Amino acid sequence: MGASRALGVYVEQTARLIANNAAGMVIADYGHFSPEEAPDTFLDAIEPFLRPLDSH
């Protein structure tokens, strides 16, 4: 996950170099601290990734 005012799509592109199933998104209008600047957007994006961990 990258922010449009920071690394943007480069985070996902770099992850794809080592992980075939990498997914990514760009949080628009934010910078380096997306989790703090846009916490609801950040949580909405990572919740599907974390959901399978709830079953443990």
N, C-alpha and C. Protein backbone atom coordinates (compact mmCIF):
# COMPACT_ATOMS: atom_id res chain seq x y z
N MET A 1 0.84 -1.15 0.00
CA MET A 1 0.00 0.00 0.00
C MET A 1 0.90 1.22 0.00
N GLY A 2 0.66 2.07 -0.94
CA GLY A 2 1.44 3.30 -1.03
C GLY A 2 0.52 4.51 -1.05
N ALA A 3 1.07 5.64 -0.77
CA ALA A 3 0.30 6.87 -0.78
C ALA A 3 0.66 7.68 -2.02
N SER A 4 -0.31 8.40 -2.54
CA SER A 4 -0.08 9.13 -3.79
C SER A 4 0.99 10.20 -3.66
N ARG A 5 1.19 10.73 -2.47
CA ARG A 5 2.21 11.75 -2.26
C ARG A 5 3.54 11.15 -1.80
N ALA A 6 3.64 9.84 -1.85
CA ALA A 6 4.88 9.17 -1.44
C ALA A 6 5.28 8.19 -2.54
N LEU A 7 5.36 6.91 -2.22
CA LEU A 7 5.84 5.92 -3.19
C LEU A 7 4.77 5.37 -4.12
N GLY A 8 3.51 5.60 -3.80
CA GLY A 8 2.42 5.20 -4.68
C GLY A 8 2.51 3.76 -5.15
N VAL A 9 2.45 3.54 -6.46
CA VAL A 9 2.42 2.19 -7.03
C VAL A 9 3.74 1.44 -6.86
N TYR A 10 4.80 2.11 -6.52
CA TYR A 10 6.09 1.44 -6.41
C TYR A 10 6.13 0.41 -5.28
N VAL A 11 5.32 0.59 -4.26
CA VAL A 11 5.27 -0.39 -3.17
C VAL A 11 4.78 -1.73 -3.71
N GLU A 12 3.67 -1.71 -4.44
CA GLU A 12 3.14 -2.94 -5.02
C GLU A 12 4.09 -3.52 -6.06
N GLN A 13 4.65 -2.70 -6.91
CA GLN A 13 5.57 -3.19 -7.93
C GLN A 13 6.78 -3.88 -7.30
N THR A 14 7.29 -3.34 -6.23
CA THR A 14 8.43 -3.94 -5.54
C THR A 14 8.02 -5.26 -4.89
N ALA A 15 6.86 -5.31 -4.27
CA ALA A 15 6.39 -6.54 -3.64
C ALA A 15 6.21 -7.65 -4.67
N ARG A 16 5.77 -7.30 -5.87
CA ARG A 16 5.57 -8.30 -6.92
C ARG A 16 6.88 -8.93 -7.40
N LEU A 17 7.99 -8.29 -7.11
CA LEU A 17 9.28 -8.88 -7.47
C LEU A 17 9.57 -10.14 -6.66
N ILE A 18 8.98 -10.24 -5.47
CA ILE A 18 9.25 -11.40 -4.61
C ILE A 18 8.01 -12.21 -4.27
N ALA A 19 6.82 -11.71 -4.60
CA ALA A 19 5.58 -12.42 -4.26
C ALA A 19 4.62 -12.38 -5.44
N ASN A 20 4.27 -13.56 -5.93
CA ASN A 20 3.37 -13.64 -7.09
C ASN A 20 1.95 -13.18 -6.77
N ASN A 21 1.53 -13.31 -5.53
CA ASN A 21 0.16 -12.97 -5.18
C ASN A 21 0.04 -11.61 -4.48
N ALA A 22 0.99 -10.75 -4.69
CA ALA A 22 0.96 -9.42 -4.07
C ALA A 22 -0.20 -8.61 -4.64
N ALA A 23 -0.82 -7.86 -3.77
CA ALA A 23 -1.88 -6.94 -4.17
C ALA A 23 -1.55 -5.58 -3.58
N GLY A 24 -2.03 -4.56 -4.21
CA GLY A 24 -1.71 -3.24 -3.70
C GLY A 24 -2.77 -2.22 -4.03
N MET A 25 -2.60 -1.07 -3.46
CA MET A 25 -3.48 0.06 -3.74
C MET A 25 -2.73 1.34 -3.42
N VAL A 26 -3.21 2.42 -3.98
CA VAL A 26 -2.65 3.74 -3.68
C VAL A 26 -3.72 4.52 -2.93
N ILE A 27 -3.34 5.06 -1.79
CA ILE A 27 -4.25 5.90 -1.03
C ILE A 27 -4.06 7.33 -1.53
N ALA A 28 -5.10 7.85 -2.15
CA ALA A 28 -5.01 9.18 -2.79
C ALA A 28 -4.90 10.31 -1.77
N ASP A 29 -4.14 11.30 -2.13
CA ASP A 29 -4.03 12.55 -1.38
C ASP A 29 -3.39 12.42 0.00
N TYR A 30 -2.56 11.40 0.19
CA TYR A 30 -1.86 11.24 1.46
C TYR A 30 -0.40 10.99 1.21
N GLY A 31 0.39 11.08 2.26
CA GLY A 31 1.83 10.95 2.15
C GLY A 31 2.36 9.70 2.82
N HIS A 32 3.47 9.83 3.51
CA HIS A 32 4.19 8.69 4.07
C HIS A 32 3.47 7.98 5.21
N PHE A 33 2.56 8.63 5.90
CA PHE A 33 1.96 8.06 7.09
C PHE A 33 0.47 7.77 6.89
N SER A 34 0.16 6.99 5.86
CA SER A 34 -1.23 6.67 5.52
C SER A 34 -2.01 6.09 6.69
N PRO A 35 -1.45 5.17 7.48
CA PRO A 35 -2.23 4.62 8.60
C PRO A 35 -2.67 5.70 9.60
N GLU A 36 -1.88 6.73 9.75
CA GLU A 36 -2.24 7.81 10.67
C GLU A 36 -3.09 8.88 9.98
N GLU A 37 -2.81 9.14 8.72
CA GLU A 37 -3.50 10.20 7.99
C GLU A 37 -4.87 9.77 7.49
N ALA A 38 -5.02 8.50 7.17
CA ALA A 38 -6.28 7.97 6.63
C ALA A 38 -6.56 6.62 7.27
N PRO A 39 -6.77 6.56 8.59
CA PRO A 39 -6.89 5.27 9.27
C PRO A 39 -8.07 4.42 8.78
N ASP A 40 -9.20 5.03 8.50
CA ASP A 40 -10.35 4.24 8.03
C ASP A 40 -10.08 3.62 6.67
N THR A 41 -9.50 4.37 5.77
CA THR A 41 -9.16 3.85 4.44
C THR A 41 -8.12 2.74 4.57
N PHE A 42 -7.13 2.95 5.41
CA PHE A 42 -6.09 1.96 5.63
C PHE A 42 -6.68 0.66 6.19
N LEU A 43 -7.52 0.77 7.21
CA LEU A 43 -8.13 -0.43 7.81
C LEU A 43 -9.05 -1.14 6.84
N ASP A 44 -9.82 -0.40 6.05
CA ASP A 44 -10.68 -1.03 5.05
C ASP A 44 -9.87 -1.82 4.04
N ALA A 45 -8.68 -1.34 3.73
CA ALA A 45 -7.83 -2.01 2.75
C ALA A 45 -7.18 -3.27 3.30
N ILE A 46 -6.77 -3.26 4.56
CA ILE A 46 -6.05 -4.43 5.10
C ILE A 46 -6.96 -5.44 5.78
N GLU A 47 -8.19 -5.06 6.10
CA GLU A 47 -9.08 -5.98 6.81
C GLU A 47 -9.31 -7.29 6.06
N PRO A 48 -9.56 -7.29 4.74
CA PRO A 48 -9.72 -8.57 4.03
C PRO A 48 -8.48 -9.46 4.11
N PHE A 49 -7.31 -8.86 4.16
CA PHE A 49 -6.07 -9.62 4.29
C PHE A 49 -5.96 -10.26 5.68
N LEU A 50 -6.39 -9.53 6.70
CA LEU A 50 -6.28 -10.01 8.07
C LEU A 50 -7.43 -10.92 8.50
N ARG A 51 -8.56 -10.85 7.82
CA ARG A 51 -9.74 -11.62 8.21
C ARG A 51 -9.47 -13.11 8.42
N PRO A 52 -8.73 -13.79 7.57
CA PRO A 52 -8.49 -15.23 7.80
C PRO A 52 -7.78 -15.52 9.13
N LEU A 53 -7.09 -14.56 9.68
CA LEU A 53 -6.40 -14.77 10.95
C LEU A 53 -7.38 -14.85 12.11
N ASP A 54 -8.59 -14.33 11.95
CA ASP A 54 -9.60 -14.38 13.01
C ASP A 54 -10.01 -15.81 13.34
N SER A 55 -9.88 -16.72 12.41
CA SER A 55 -10.32 -18.09 12.62
C SER A 55 -9.34 -18.90 13.45
N HIS A 56 -8.20 -18.34 13.79
CA HIS A 56 -7.20 -19.09 14.58
C HIS A 56 -7.35 -18.84 16.05
